[in-house]
Amino acid sequence: MDDMHLDFGDLVHTQRAAVKALDEILAESDDAVVISLSGKTNSGLTHDRATLQNAIMSVKAQSVLRPENDCPKIDYYQADLIENKHNSAALQDAEQKVAACKTMPQSMLENAAELAARSALAKWPA
C-alpha cells in the first residue's frame, strides 16, 4: 500500500477497497501480504484474513514532502522577524508554539524556536 503519497482521506478509501478485495478477489486458500511503501506495515505472507485486514487498517498516511510532526508552524514572516529583525515578541510567540507541541525543558524553548525559524527561512529562496 502506498502510504507515502496518499493523504488521510485517500488512504481511508484505499483501505476500504483493499478490505473489500480480500473478500472478492482472494480465495480462502490464497496467501497474500500487506506491505506499506514506507515499510512501517508488513503482515507477512498469510492466508489469515483477519491478519491481512488488521494490517490494511493499521497503515497510516506518511509524507515524504513534509514532516509528520510539522511543529511548530512558523511562517516566513515570523521567521524573518525572529532571525533577521531580532523581534522578541515573535520569538516569544514561537517559543509558546514549541511548548504547545513538544515536551522539552523551558531552557530549550528559545533554541528550538530559533531553529524552527531558520528552518522556515531555509524553505524560501533567497
C-alpha atoms as a PDB file:
ATOM      1  CA  MET A   1       0.000   0.000   0.000  1.00  0.00           C
ATOM      2  CA  ASP A   2       1.319   3.415  -0.926  1.00  0.00           C
ATOM      3  CA  ASP A   3       1.290   5.239   2.400  1.00  0.00           C
ATOM      4  CA  MET A   4       3.851   7.810   1.237  1.00  0.00           C
ATOM      5  CA  HIS A   5       1.763   9.664  -1.339  1.00  0.00           C
ATOM      6  CA  LEU A   6      -1.815   9.427  -0.077  1.00  0.00           C
ATOM      7  CA  ASP A   7      -3.407  11.893   2.271  1.00  0.00           C
ATOM      8  CA  PHE A   8      -5.662  10.718   5.085  1.00  0.00           C
ATOM      9  CA  GLY A   9      -8.887  10.862   3.050  1.00  0.00           C
ATOM     10  CA  ASP A  10      -7.454   8.957   0.095  1.00  0.00           C
ATOM     11  CA  LEU A  11      -5.939   6.359   2.396  1.00  0.00           C
ATOM     12  CA  VAL A  12      -9.331   5.678   4.010  1.00  0.00           C
ATOM     13  CA  HIS A  13     -10.835   4.957   0.566  1.00  0.00           C
ATOM     14  CA  THR A  14      -7.852   2.775  -0.339  1.00  0.00           C
ATOM     15  CA  GLN A  15      -8.187   0.797   2.889  1.00  0.00           C
ATOM     16  CA  ARG A  16     -11.899   0.191   2.259  1.00  0.00           C
ATOM     17  CA  ALA A  17     -11.167  -1.017  -1.261  1.00  0.00           C
ATOM     18  CA  ALA A  18      -8.378  -3.301  -0.040  1.00  0.00           C
ATOM     19  CA  VAL A  19     -10.568  -4.869   2.646  1.00  0.00           C
ATOM     20  CA  LYS A  20     -13.319  -5.384   0.059  1.00  0.00           C
ATOM     21  CA  ALA A  21     -10.785  -7.018  -2.275  1.00  0.00           C
ATOM     22  CA  LEU A  22      -9.926  -9.556   0.422  1.00  0.00           C
ATOM     23  CA  ASP A  23     -13.449 -10.955   0.145  1.00  0.00           C
ATOM     24  CA  GLU A  24     -13.994 -10.504  -3.585  1.00  0.00           C
ATOM     25  CA  ILE A  25     -10.658 -11.449  -5.113  1.00  0.00           C
ATOM     26  CA  LEU A  26      -8.789 -13.795  -2.778  1.00  0.00           C
ATOM     27  CA  ALA A  27      -9.841 -17.401  -2.445  1.00  0.00           C
ATOM     28  CA  GLU A  28      -9.782 -18.920   1.046  1.00  0.00           C
ATOM     29  CA  SER A  29      -6.606 -20.841   0.204  1.00  0.00           C
ATOM     30  CA  ASP A  30      -4.774 -17.860  -1.347  1.00  0.00           C
ATOM     31  CA  ASP A  31      -1.848 -16.337   0.510  1.00  0.00           C
ATOM     32  CA  ALA A  32      -1.304 -12.592   0.477  1.00  0.00           C
ATOM     33  CA  VAL A  33       0.840  -9.966   2.131  1.00  0.00           C
ATOM     34  CA  VAL A  34       0.143  -6.357   3.079  1.00  0.00           C
ATOM     35  CA  ILE A  35       3.229  -4.165   2.888  1.00  0.00           C
ATOM     36  CA  SER A  36       3.287  -0.404   3.070  1.00  0.00           C
ATOM     37  CA  LEU A  37       5.648   1.558   0.856  1.00  0.00           C
ATOM     38  CA  SER A  38       7.217   3.173   3.926  1.00  0.00           C
ATOM     39  CA  GLY A  39       7.948  -0.256   5.384  1.00  0.00           C
ATOM     40  CA  LYS A  40       6.068   0.522   8.589  1.00  0.00           C
ATOM     41  CA  THR A  41       3.446  -2.168   7.914  1.00  0.00           C
ATOM     42  CA  ASN A  42       4.117  -5.768   6.940  1.00  0.00           C
ATOM     43  CA  SER A  43       1.571  -8.510   7.614  1.00  0.00           C
ATOM     44  CA  GLY A  44       3.838 -11.309   6.472  1.00  0.00           C
ATOM     45  CA  LEU A  45       2.686 -13.868   3.913  1.00  0.00           C
ATOM     46  CA  THR A  46      -0.524 -15.394   5.226  1.00  0.00           C
ATOM     47  CA  HIS A  47      -3.985 -16.652   4.292  1.00  0.00           C
ATOM     48  CA  ASP A  48      -5.429 -15.380   7.587  1.00  0.00           C
ATOM     49  CA  ARG A  49      -7.879 -12.679   6.507  1.00  0.00           C
ATOM     50  CA  ALA A  50      -8.043 -11.117   9.980  1.00  0.00           C
ATOM     51  CA  THR A  51      -4.275 -10.587   9.951  1.00  0.00           C
ATOM     52  CA  LEU A  52      -4.445  -9.070   6.476  1.00  0.00           C
ATOM     53  CA  GLN A  53      -7.386  -6.833   7.388  1.00  0.00           C
ATOM     54  CA  ASN A  54      -5.659  -5.645  10.575  1.00  0.00           C
ATOM     55  CA  ALA A  55      -2.536  -4.820   8.570  1.00  0.00           C
ATOM     56  CA  ILE A  56      -4.572  -2.882   5.996  1.00  0.00           C
ATOM     57  CA  MET A  57      -6.308  -0.862   8.686  1.00  0.00           C
ATOM     58  CA  SER A  58      -3.045  -0.165  10.537  1.00  0.00           C
ATOM     59  CA  VAL A  59      -1.490   1.659   7.560  1.00  0.00           C
ATOM     60  CA  LYS A  60      -1.107   5.371   8.314  1.00  0.00           C
ATOM     61  CA  ALA A  61      -0.538   8.171   5.794  1.00  0.00           C
ATOM     62  CA  GLN A  62       3.108   9.232   5.689  1.00  0.00           C
ATOM     63  CA  SER A  63       4.650  12.088   3.750  1.00  0.00           C
ATOM     64  CA  VAL A  64       7.977  12.461   2.042  1.00  0.00           C
ATOM     65  CA  LEU A  65       7.336  16.135   1.366  1.00  0.00           C
ATOM     66  CA  ARG A  66       6.513  17.387   4.865  1.00  0.00           C
ATOM     67  CA  PRO A  67       7.309  16.033   8.269  1.00  0.00           C
ATOM     68  CA  GLU A  68       4.527  14.201  10.055  1.00  0.00           C
ATOM     69  CA  ASN A  69       5.024  16.476  13.009  1.00  0.00           C
ATOM     70  CA  ASP A  70       5.413  19.892  11.371  1.00  0.00           C
ATOM     71  CA  CYS A  71       5.525  21.659  14.681  1.00  0.00           C
ATOM     72  CA  PRO A  72       5.803  24.442  15.472  1.00  0.00           C
ATOM     73  CA  LYS A  73       4.277  26.099  12.432  1.00  0.00           C
ATOM     74  CA  ILE A  74       6.441  29.153  11.816  1.00  0.00           C
ATOM     75  CA  ASP A  75       5.714  31.071   8.620  1.00  0.00           C
ATOM     76  CA  TYR A  76       8.204  33.103   6.615  1.00  0.00           C
ATOM     77  CA  TYR A  77       7.081  36.428   8.083  1.00  0.00           C
ATOM     78  CA  GLN A  78       7.520  35.285  11.680  1.00  0.00           C
ATOM     79  CA  ALA A  79      10.814  33.591  10.850  1.00  0.00           C
ATOM     80  CA  ASP A  80      12.080  36.816   9.286  1.00  0.00           C
ATOM     81  CA  LEU A  81      11.054  38.764  12.390  1.00  0.00           C
ATOM     82  CA  ILE A  82      12.927  36.312  14.613  1.00  0.00           C
ATOM     83  CA  GLU A  83      16.096  35.750  12.604  1.00  0.00           C
ATOM     84  CA  ASN A  84      16.626  38.999  10.728  1.00  0.00           C
ATOM     85  CA  LYS A  85      14.829  41.609  12.800  1.00  0.00           C
ATOM     86  CA  HIS A  86      15.505  40.049  16.237  1.00  0.00           C
ATOM     87  CA  ASN A  87      11.902  40.703  17.282  1.00  0.00           C
ATOM     88  CA  SER A  88      11.434  39.454  20.849  1.00  0.00           C
ATOM     89  CA  ALA A  89       7.619  39.271  20.607  1.00  0.00           C
ATOM     90  CA  ALA A  90       7.845  36.996  17.551  1.00  0.00           C
ATOM     91  CA  LEU A  91      10.413  34.850  19.343  1.00  0.00           C
ATOM     92  CA  GLN A  92       8.222  34.558  22.449  1.00  0.00           C
ATOM     93  CA  ASP A  93       5.254  33.553  20.288  1.00  0.00           C
ATOM     94  CA  ALA A  94       7.399  30.895  18.592  1.00  0.00           C
ATOM     95  CA  GLU A  95       8.534  29.610  21.994  1.00  0.00           C
ATOM     96  CA  GLN A  96       4.882  29.225  23.014  1.00  0.00           C
ATOM     97  CA  LYS A  97       4.196  27.311  19.806  1.00  0.00           C
ATOM     98  CA  VAL A  98       7.123  24.995  20.545  1.00  0.00           C
ATOM     99  CA  ALA A  99       5.918  24.432  24.126  1.00  0.00           C
ATOM    100  CA  ALA A 100       2.425  23.585  22.854  1.00  0.00           C
ATOM    101  CA  CYS A 101       3.613  20.791  20.588  1.00  0.00           C
ATOM    102  CA  LYS A 102       6.861  19.483  22.071  1.00  0.00           C
ATOM    103  CA  THR A 103       7.792  18.393  25.539  1.00  0.00           C
ATOM    104  CA  MET A 104      11.101  19.948  26.499  1.00  0.00           C
ATOM    105  CA  PRO A 105      12.663  21.908  29.318  1.00  0.00           C
ATOM    106  CA  GLN A 106      11.871  25.619  29.422  1.00  0.00           C
ATOM    107  CA  SER A 107      15.565  26.364  28.948  1.00  0.00           C
ATOM    108  CA  MET A 108      15.499  24.765  25.477  1.00  0.00           C
ATOM    109  CA  LEU A 109      12.450  26.571  24.085  1.00  0.00           C
ATOM    110  CA  GLU A 110      14.331  29.588  22.741  1.00  0.00           C
ATOM    111  CA  ASN A 111      16.844  27.434  20.850  1.00  0.00           C
ATOM    112  CA  ALA A 112      14.049  25.253  19.445  1.00  0.00           C
ATOM    113  CA  ALA A 113      12.099  28.342  18.324  1.00  0.00           C
ATOM    114  CA  GLU A 114      15.163  29.818  16.626  1.00  0.00           C
ATOM    115  CA  LEU A 115      15.846  26.500  14.898  1.00  0.00           C
ATOM    116  CA  ALA A 116      12.256  26.392  13.644  1.00  0.00           C
ATOM    117  CA  ALA A 117      12.634  29.969  12.351  1.00  0.00           C
ATOM    118  CA  ARG A 118      15.867  29.110  10.497  1.00  0.00           C
ATOM    119  CA  SER A 119      14.181  26.057   9.026  1.00  0.00           C
ATOM    120  CA  ALA A 120      11.215  28.137   7.840  1.00  0.00           C
ATOM    121  CA  LEU A 121      13.537  30.669   6.219  1.00  0.00           C
ATOM    122  CA  ALA A 122      15.516  27.905   4.512  1.00  0.00           C
ATOM    123  CA  LYS A 123      12.372  26.745   2.681  1.00  0.00           C
ATOM    124  CA  TRP A 124      12.176  30.041   0.795  1.00  0.00           C
ATOM    125  CA  PRO A 125      14.533  31.095  -1.998  1.00  0.00           C
ATOM    126  CA  ALA A 126      16.837  33.993  -1.179  1.00  0.00           C
END
